[in-house]
N, C-alpha and C. Protein backbone atom coordinates (compact mmCIF):
# COMPACT_ATOMS: atom_id res chain seq x y z
N UNK A 1 0.65 -1.37 0.25
CA UNK A 1 0.10 0.02 0.05
C UNK A 1 1.11 1.00 -0.24
N UNK A 2 1.75 1.15 -0.86
CA UNK A 2 2.45 2.24 -1.00
C UNK A 2 2.14 3.23 -2.12
N UNK A 3 0.84 3.60 -2.39
CA UNK A 3 0.13 4.43 -3.21
C UNK A 3 0.25 6.11 -2.40
N UNK A 4 0.80 6.76 -2.92
CA UNK A 4 0.27 8.11 -2.70
C UNK A 4 -0.22 8.64 -2.18
N UNK A 5 -0.44 9.18 -1.15
CA UNK A 5 -1.79 9.83 -0.60
C UNK A 5 -1.81 11.42 -1.20
N UNK A 6 -3.10 11.90 -1.12
CA UNK A 6 -3.51 12.96 -2.06
C UNK A 6 -3.21 13.77 -0.65
N UNK A 7 -2.82 15.29 -1.24
CA UNK A 7 -2.84 15.96 0.27
C UNK A 7 -3.70 16.45 0.17
N UNK A 8 -4.15 16.57 1.82
CA UNK A 8 -5.62 16.92 2.11
C UNK A 8 -5.66 18.49 2.33
N UNK A 9 -6.75 19.34 1.63
CA UNK A 9 -6.84 20.77 2.34
C UNK A 9 -8.26 20.68 2.76
N UNK A 10 -7.85 21.80 3.55
CA UNK A 10 -8.96 22.12 4.29
C UNK A 10 -10.09 22.75 3.89
N UNK A 11 -11.44 22.34 4.00
CA UNK A 11 -12.49 22.75 2.75
C UNK A 11 -12.97 24.11 3.32
N UNK A 12 -13.39 25.02 2.37
CA UNK A 12 -13.41 26.10 2.46
C UNK A 12 -14.66 27.07 2.63
N UNK A 13 -15.82 25.79 2.47
CA UNK A 13 -16.94 25.93 3.04
C UNK A 13 -17.65 24.84 3.87
N UNK A 14 -18.66 25.16 4.37
CA UNK A 14 -19.43 24.50 5.41
C UNK A 14 -19.84 22.80 4.70
N UNK A 15 -20.17 22.88 3.30
CA UNK A 15 -20.38 21.91 2.74
C UNK A 15 -19.58 20.80 2.32
N UNK A 16 -18.23 21.85 2.32
CA UNK A 16 -17.34 21.08 1.79
C UNK A 16 -16.72 20.51 3.00
N UNK A 17 -16.67 21.28 4.08
CA UNK A 17 -16.31 20.32 5.50
C UNK A 17 -17.12 19.04 5.61
N UNK A 18 -18.53 19.14 5.51
CA UNK A 18 -19.38 18.14 5.89
C UNK A 18 -19.07 16.80 5.03
N UNK A 19 -18.77 17.45 3.94
CA UNK A 19 -17.95 16.24 2.71
C UNK A 19 -17.44 15.64 3.15
N UNK A 20 -16.38 16.11 3.22
CA UNK A 20 -14.98 16.02 3.72
C UNK A 20 -15.39 15.07 4.84
N UNK A 21 -16.04 15.58 6.10
CA UNK A 21 -16.14 14.78 7.29
C UNK A 21 -16.62 13.40 6.94
N UNK A 22 -17.88 13.05 6.26
CA UNK A 22 -18.57 11.93 5.58
C UNK A 22 -17.83 11.25 4.81
N UNK A 23 -16.86 11.68 4.01
CA UNK A 23 -15.82 11.05 3.79
C UNK A 23 -14.81 9.72 4.33
N UNK A 24 -14.78 11.08 5.77
CA UNK A 24 -13.56 10.25 6.56
C UNK A 24 -14.59 9.20 7.12
N UNK A 25 -15.62 9.65 7.85
CA UNK A 25 -16.50 8.73 7.98
C UNK A 25 -16.63 7.35 7.59
N UNK A 26 -16.89 7.78 6.06
CA UNK A 26 -17.05 6.23 5.28
C UNK A 26 -15.74 5.50 5.44
N UNK A 27 -14.51 6.42 5.09
CA UNK A 27 -13.12 5.26 5.42
C UNK A 27 -13.08 5.13 6.61
N UNK A 28 -13.44 5.48 7.82
CA UNK A 28 -13.14 4.94 8.92
C UNK A 28 -14.41 3.66 9.32
N UNK A 29 -15.49 3.92 8.36
CA UNK A 29 -16.43 2.77 8.61
C UNK A 29 -15.72 1.30 7.91
N UNK A 30 -15.55 1.77 6.97
CA UNK A 30 -14.39 0.64 6.26
C UNK A 30 -13.47 -0.06 6.59
N UNK A 31 -12.68 1.04 6.82
CA UNK A 31 -11.40 0.57 8.31
C UNK A 31 -11.75 -0.53 9.12
N UNK A 32 -12.95 0.19 10.03
CA UNK A 32 -13.76 -0.63 11.18
C UNK A 32 -14.09 -1.89 10.69
N UNK A 33 -14.88 -2.00 9.55
CA UNK A 33 -15.48 -3.46 9.02
C UNK A 33 -14.37 -4.23 8.42
N UNK A 34 -13.41 -3.59 8.08
CA UNK A 34 -12.02 -4.64 7.69
C UNK A 34 -11.39 -5.34 8.84
N UNK A 35 -11.40 -4.13 9.94
CA UNK A 35 -10.89 -4.76 10.81
C UNK A 35 -11.44 -5.77 11.93
N UNK A 36 -12.77 -5.43 11.74
CA UNK A 36 -13.83 -6.32 12.44
C UNK A 36 -13.59 -7.90 11.86
N UNK A 37 -14.01 -7.91 10.04
CA UNK A 37 -13.77 -9.01 9.54
C UNK A 37 -12.41 -9.93 9.88
N UNK A 38 -11.41 -9.15 9.75
CA UNK A 38 -10.05 -9.87 10.19
C UNK A 38 -10.34 -10.23 11.67
N UNK A 39 -10.81 -9.59 12.65
CA UNK A 39 -10.75 -10.08 14.15
C UNK A 39 -11.70 -11.28 14.08
N UNK A 40 -12.92 -11.65 13.01
CA UNK A 40 -13.48 -12.66 12.98
C UNK A 40 -13.06 -13.66 12.60
N UNK A 41 -12.19 -13.36 11.76
CA UNK A 41 -11.69 -14.68 11.18
C UNK A 41 -10.42 -15.27 11.49
N UNK A 42 -9.73 -14.29 12.54
CA UNK A 42 -8.92 -14.94 13.63
C UNK A 42 -9.30 -15.33 14.51
N UNK A 43 -10.75 -15.03 15.39
CA UNK A 43 -11.05 -15.72 15.98
C UNK A 43 -11.62 -17.22 15.67
N UNK A 44 -12.47 -17.25 14.27
CA UNK A 44 -12.74 -18.71 14.08
C UNK A 44 -11.78 -19.46 13.87
N UNK A 45 -10.36 -19.22 13.36
CA UNK A 45 -9.25 -19.78 13.24
C UNK A 45 -8.40 -20.28 14.40
N UNK A 46 -8.56 -19.27 15.07
CA UNK A 46 -8.44 -20.02 16.96
C UNK A 46 -9.33 -20.86 17.24
N UNK A 47 -10.73 -20.86 17.04
CA UNK A 47 -11.29 -21.67 17.45
C UNK A 47 -11.17 -22.96 16.33
N UNK A 48 -10.85 -23.03 15.18
CA UNK A 48 -10.58 -24.00 14.62
C UNK A 48 -9.43 -24.90 15.27
N UNK A 49 -8.22 -23.86 15.42
CA UNK A 49 -7.36 -24.76 16.00
C UNK A 49 -7.30 -25.12 17.22
N UNK A 50 -8.13 -24.91 18.07
CA UNK A 50 -8.12 -25.05 19.10
C UNK A 50 -9.03 -26.51 19.24
N UNK A 51 -9.91 -26.86 18.57
CA UNK A 51 -11.01 -27.77 18.23
C UNK A 51 -10.02 -28.72 17.88
N UNK A 52 -9.27 -28.24 16.85
CA UNK A 52 -8.02 -29.49 16.56
C UNK A 52 -7.10 -29.96 17.55
N UNK A 53 -6.51 -28.99 18.43
CA UNK A 53 -5.75 -29.24 19.26
C UNK A 53 -6.33 -29.90 20.57
N UNK A 54 -7.80 -29.98 20.85
CA UNK A 54 -8.18 -30.60 21.66
C UNK A 54 -8.46 -32.17 21.49
N UNK A 55 -8.67 -32.47 20.43
CA UNK A 55 -9.19 -33.56 19.44
C UNK A 55 -7.45 -34.38 20.06
N UNK A 56 -6.56 -33.57 19.61
CA UNK A 56 -5.24 -34.17 19.69
C UNK A 56 -4.73 -34.59 20.95
N UNK A 57 -5.13 -33.57 21.76
CA UNK A 57 -4.79 -34.03 22.97
C UNK A 57 -5.42 -35.08 23.69
N UNK A 58 -6.95 -35.19 23.51
CA UNK A 58 -7.74 -36.12 23.76
C UNK A 58 -7.11 -37.75 23.49
N UNK A 59 -6.50 -37.75 22.12
CA UNK A 59 -6.18 -39.13 21.22
C UNK A 59 -4.88 -39.12 21.96
N UNK A 60 -4.04 -38.28 22.28
CA UNK A 60 -2.54 -38.61 22.90
C UNK A 60 -3.16 -38.83 24.45
N UNK A 61 -3.95 -38.63 25.19
CA UNK A 61 -4.52 -38.91 26.26
C UNK A 61 -5.03 -40.08 26.77
N UNK A 62 -5.82 -40.53 25.66
CA UNK A 62 -6.38 -42.18 25.47
C UNK A 62 -4.89 -42.84 25.16
N UNK A 63 -3.84 -42.60 24.29
CA UNK A 63 -2.99 -43.52 24.15
C UNK A 63 -2.19 -43.69 25.11
N UNK A 64 -2.04 -42.29 26.15
CA UNK A 64 -0.89 -42.58 27.16
C UNK A 64 -1.74 -43.84 28.25
N UNK A 65 -3.49 -43.29 28.26
CA UNK A 65 -3.67 -44.29 29.24
C UNK A 65 -3.55 -45.68 29.34
N UNK A 66 -3.31 -45.92 27.67
CA UNK A 66 -3.69 -47.36 27.33
C UNK A 66 -2.22 -47.97 27.18
N UNK A 67 -1.30 -47.29 27.10
CA UNK A 67 0.17 -47.38 27.46
C UNK A 67 0.64 -47.74 28.88
N UNK A 68 -0.19 -46.77 29.92
CA UNK A 68 0.25 -46.86 30.98
C UNK A 68 -0.42 -48.04 31.44
N UNK A 69 -1.92 -48.64 31.18
CA UNK A 69 -2.08 -49.96 31.54
C UNK A 69 -1.32 -51.17 31.17
N UNK A 70 -0.76 -51.36 29.99
CA UNK A 70 -0.38 -52.10 29.27
C UNK A 70 1.13 -52.24 29.78
N UNK A 71 1.47 -51.07 30.43
CA UNK A 71 3.17 -50.89 31.08
C UNK A 71 3.21 -51.73 32.46
N UNK A 72 1.82 -51.60 33.04
CA UNK A 72 1.24 -52.16 34.31
C UNK A 72 1.52 -53.32 34.31
N UNK A 73 0.64 -54.21 33.39
CA UNK A 73 0.20 -55.21 33.08
C UNK A 73 1.78 -55.96 32.75
N UNK A 74 2.57 -56.02 31.86
CA UNK A 74 3.69 -56.08 31.30
C UNK A 74 4.75 -56.55 32.84
N UNK A 75 4.54 -55.44 33.85
CA UNK A 75 5.48 -55.37 34.57
C UNK A 75 4.81 -56.50 35.56
N UNK A 76 3.59 -56.90 35.96
CA UNK A 76 2.75 -57.87 36.82
C UNK A 76 3.33 -59.12 35.75
N UNK A 77 3.19 -59.13 34.92
CA UNK A 77 3.73 -60.65 33.81
C UNK A 77 5.18 -60.54 34.49
N UNK A 78 6.28 -59.72 34.29
CA UNK A 78 7.76 -59.78 34.42
C UNK A 78 7.64 -59.96 35.93
N UNK A 79 7.02 -59.58 36.87
CA UNK A 79 7.15 -59.80 38.34
C UNK A 79 6.96 -61.20 38.78
N UNK A 80 5.60 -61.76 37.91
CA UNK A 80 5.56 -63.23 37.82
C UNK A 80 6.39 -64.24 37.11
N UNK A 81 6.96 -64.04 35.99
CA UNK A 81 8.36 -64.33 35.70
C UNK A 81 9.79 -64.58 36.83
N UNK A 82 9.64 -63.44 37.12
CA UNK A 82 10.93 -63.57 38.14
C UNK A 82 10.81 -64.46 39.31
N UNK A 83 9.70 -64.31 39.52
CA UNK A 83 9.02 -65.57 41.06
C UNK A 83 9.51 -66.81 40.30
N UNK A 84 8.74 -67.10 38.87
CA UNK A 84 9.23 -68.32 38.33
C UNK A 84 10.68 -68.85 38.08
N UNK A 85 11.55 -68.05 38.00
CA UNK A 85 12.74 -68.07 37.73
C UNK A 85 13.31 -68.44 38.99
N UNK A 86 12.97 -67.89 39.23
CA UNK A 86 13.82 -68.02 40.87
C UNK A 86 13.30 -69.30 41.78
N UNK A 87 11.89 -69.59 41.28
CA UNK A 87 11.43 -71.14 41.65
C UNK A 87 12.42 -72.46 41.03
N UNK A 88 12.39 -72.11 39.80
CA UNK A 88 13.00 -73.19 38.81
C UNK A 88 14.77 -73.19 39.24
N UNK A 89 15.61 -71.99 39.44
CA UNK A 89 16.61 -72.01 39.99
C UNK A 89 16.62 -72.82 40.91
N UNK A 90 16.04 -72.46 42.20
CA UNK A 90 16.36 -73.25 43.04
C UNK A 90 15.59 -74.71 42.92
N UNK A 91 14.78 -75.27 42.02
CA UNK A 91 14.93 -76.92 41.67
C UNK A 91 15.75 -77.23 41.12
N UNK A 92 16.21 -76.26 40.29
CA UNK A 92 17.48 -77.02 39.51
C UNK A 92 18.39 -76.98 40.52
N UNK A 93 18.62 -76.21 41.42
CA UNK A 93 19.57 -76.60 42.52
C UNK A 93 19.68 -77.54 43.27
N UNK A 94 18.53 -77.96 43.50
CA UNK A 94 17.78 -79.35 44.11
C UNK A 94 17.95 -80.22 43.83
N UNK A 95 17.68 -80.50 42.21
CA UNK A 95 18.14 -81.79 41.22
C UNK A 95 19.45 -81.92 41.11
N UNK A 96 20.24 -80.86 41.15
CA UNK A 96 21.74 -81.11 40.97
C UNK A 96 22.14 -81.62 42.13
N UNK A 97 21.52 -81.18 43.50
CA UNK A 97 22.37 -82.02 44.72
C UNK A 97 21.72 -83.45 44.84
N UNK A 98 20.60 -83.67 44.34
CA UNK A 98 19.96 -85.27 43.95
C UNK A 98 20.68 -85.95 43.16
N UNK A 99 20.91 -85.14 42.21
CA UNK A 99 21.63 -86.17 41.19
C UNK A 99 23.10 -86.62 41.51
N UNK A 100 23.79 -85.52 42.15
CA UNK A 100 25.09 -85.85 43.17
C UNK A 100 25.00 -87.08 43.76
N UNK A 101 23.78 -86.68 44.54
CA UNK A 101 23.73 -87.93 45.90
C UNK A 101 23.75 -89.47 45.02
N UNK A 102 22.64 -89.14 44.06
CA UNK A 102 22.85 -90.65 43.49
C UNK A 102 24.08 -91.03 42.54
N UNK A 103 24.84 -90.12 42.34
CA UNK A 103 26.18 -90.84 41.52
C UNK A 103 26.63 -91.17 42.53
N UNK A 104 26.60 -90.59 43.78
CA UNK A 104 27.56 -91.12 45.05
C UNK A 104 27.26 -92.46 45.30
N UNK A 105 25.70 -92.75 45.58
CA UNK A 105 25.36 -93.80 45.50
C UNK A 105 25.51 -94.89 44.65
N UNK A 106 25.11 -94.65 43.50
CA UNK A 106 25.66 -95.54 42.68
C UNK A 106 27.16 -95.92 42.62
N UNK A 107 27.83 -94.97 42.44
CA UNK A 107 29.55 -95.64 42.91
C UNK A 107 29.57 -96.30 44.05
N UNK A 108 28.75 -96.17 44.97
CA UNK A 108 29.16 -96.72 46.25
C UNK A 108 28.32 -98.22 45.77
N UNK A 109 27.52 -98.31 45.52
CA UNK A 109 26.80 -99.87 44.93
C UNK A 109 27.57 -100.38 43.97
N UNK A 110 28.40 -99.88 42.95
CA UNK A 110 29.44 -100.55 42.11
C UNK A 110 30.51 -101.20 42.56
N UNK A 111 31.30 -100.58 43.68
CA UNK A 111 32.18 -100.86 44.65
C UNK A 111 31.54 -101.94 45.24
N UNK A 112 30.43 -102.04 45.73
CA UNK A 112 30.25 -103.52 46.74
C UNK A 112 29.70 -104.31 45.78
N UNK A 113 29.37 -104.12 44.42
CA UNK A 113 29.16 -105.39 44.17
C UNK A 113 30.11 -105.74 42.77
N UNK A 114 31.19 -105.30 42.95
CA UNK A 114 32.54 -105.23 42.08
C UNK A 114 33.17 -107.19 42.41
N UNK A 115 33.21 -107.91 42.02
CA UNK A 115 33.70 -109.51 42.20
C UNK A 115 33.04 -110.01 42.92
N UNK A 116 31.89 -109.84 43.21
CA UNK A 116 30.01 -110.74 43.32
C UNK A 116 30.02 -111.03 42.55
N UNK A 117 29.31 -112.74 42.61
CA UNK A 117 28.88 -113.18 41.55
C UNK A 117 27.21 -112.56 41.82
N UNK A 118 26.66 -112.72 40.99
CA UNK A 118 24.85 -112.56 40.70
C UNK A 118 24.58 -114.03 41.36
N UNK A 119 23.22 -114.08 42.13
CA UNK A 119 22.60 -115.02 42.40
C UNK A 119 22.28 -116.30 41.71
N UNK A 120 22.17 -115.94 40.05
CA UNK A 120 21.94 -116.83 39.53
C UNK A 120 23.15 -117.63 39.21
N UNK A 121 24.30 -117.15 39.12
CA UNK A 121 25.34 -117.35 38.80
C UNK A 121 25.94 -118.62 40.10
N UNK A 122 25.71 -117.92 41.02
CA UNK A 122 26.09 -119.16 42.37
C UNK A 122 25.24 -120.26 42.14
N UNK A 123 23.68 -120.31 41.71
CA UNK A 123 23.11 -121.41 41.55
C UNK A 123 23.59 -122.28 40.46
N UNK A 124 23.95 -121.87 39.25
CA UNK A 124 24.21 -122.52 38.50
C UNK A 124 25.45 -123.23 38.89
N UNK A 125 26.64 -122.57 39.52
CA UNK A 125 27.88 -123.15 39.81
C UNK A 125 27.31 -124.27 41.17
N UNK A 126 26.55 -124.22 42.07
CA UNK A 126 26.18 -125.26 43.13
C UNK A 126 25.58 -126.19 42.30
N UNK A 127 24.73 -126.07 41.46
CA UNK A 127 24.04 -127.28 40.54
C UNK A 127 25.36 -128.18 39.85
N UNK A 128 26.22 -127.18 38.89
CA UNK A 128 27.48 -127.87 38.51
C UNK A 128 28.28 -128.55 39.69
N UNK A 129 28.76 -128.37 40.62
CA UNK A 129 29.33 -128.78 42.04
C UNK A 129 28.52 -130.27 42.42
N UNK A 130 27.41 -130.23 42.46
CA UNK A 130 26.58 -130.81 42.88
C UNK A 130 26.37 -132.02 42.09
N UNK A 131 26.49 -131.77 40.93
CA UNK A 131 26.45 -133.19 39.81
C UNK A 131 27.73 -133.70 39.29
N UNK A 132 29.00 -132.88 39.51
CA UNK A 132 30.24 -133.61 39.82
C UNK A 132 30.89 -134.56 40.86
N UNK A 133 29.96 -133.99 42.31
CA UNK A 133 30.05 -134.58 43.50
C UNK A 133 29.34 -136.04 42.89
N UNK A 134 28.30 -136.15 42.64
CA UNK A 134 27.44 -137.37 42.22
C UNK A 134 28.49 -138.07 41.37
N UNK A 135 28.88 -137.54 40.30
CA UNK A 135 29.73 -138.53 39.56
C UNK A 135 30.91 -139.29 40.36
N UNK A 136 31.74 -138.29 41.21
CA UNK A 136 32.81 -138.73 41.60
C UNK A 136 32.22 -139.61 43.21
N UNK A 137 31.04 -139.62 43.82
CA UNK A 137 30.86 -140.11 44.27
C UNK A 137 30.82 -139.76 45.89
N UNK A 138 30.50 -138.41 45.71
CA UNK A 138 30.96 -137.75 47.27
C UNK A 138 29.45 -137.55 47.66
């Protein structure tokens, strides 16, 4: 709006003064209407932006609440898994002790039975001895 402004001259008559005053009033009204229109447009845009932001915030709040519930559920599952892992670790420790004890018992029994004949082998030998004694006449 770099238009050149006309230099206003003071009106020389009453009617000229009235005409100039009316022209000024019209210009003021036009400017006032433009300012009012601009203000209304700005208010409309701010209201629209406010509604959009409200929807976004509501969406974000819902997502955050959902994520909070999910985190709590996952924390509960993790806690349950930690308990199960501790129990399994204790069971593994006990089983390892039991296995070691059984190994020791097997080794002990193996040592006791080395060099000893089985009952069926002893019975077979006794029968053989009895036959030999019968032949020899004992």
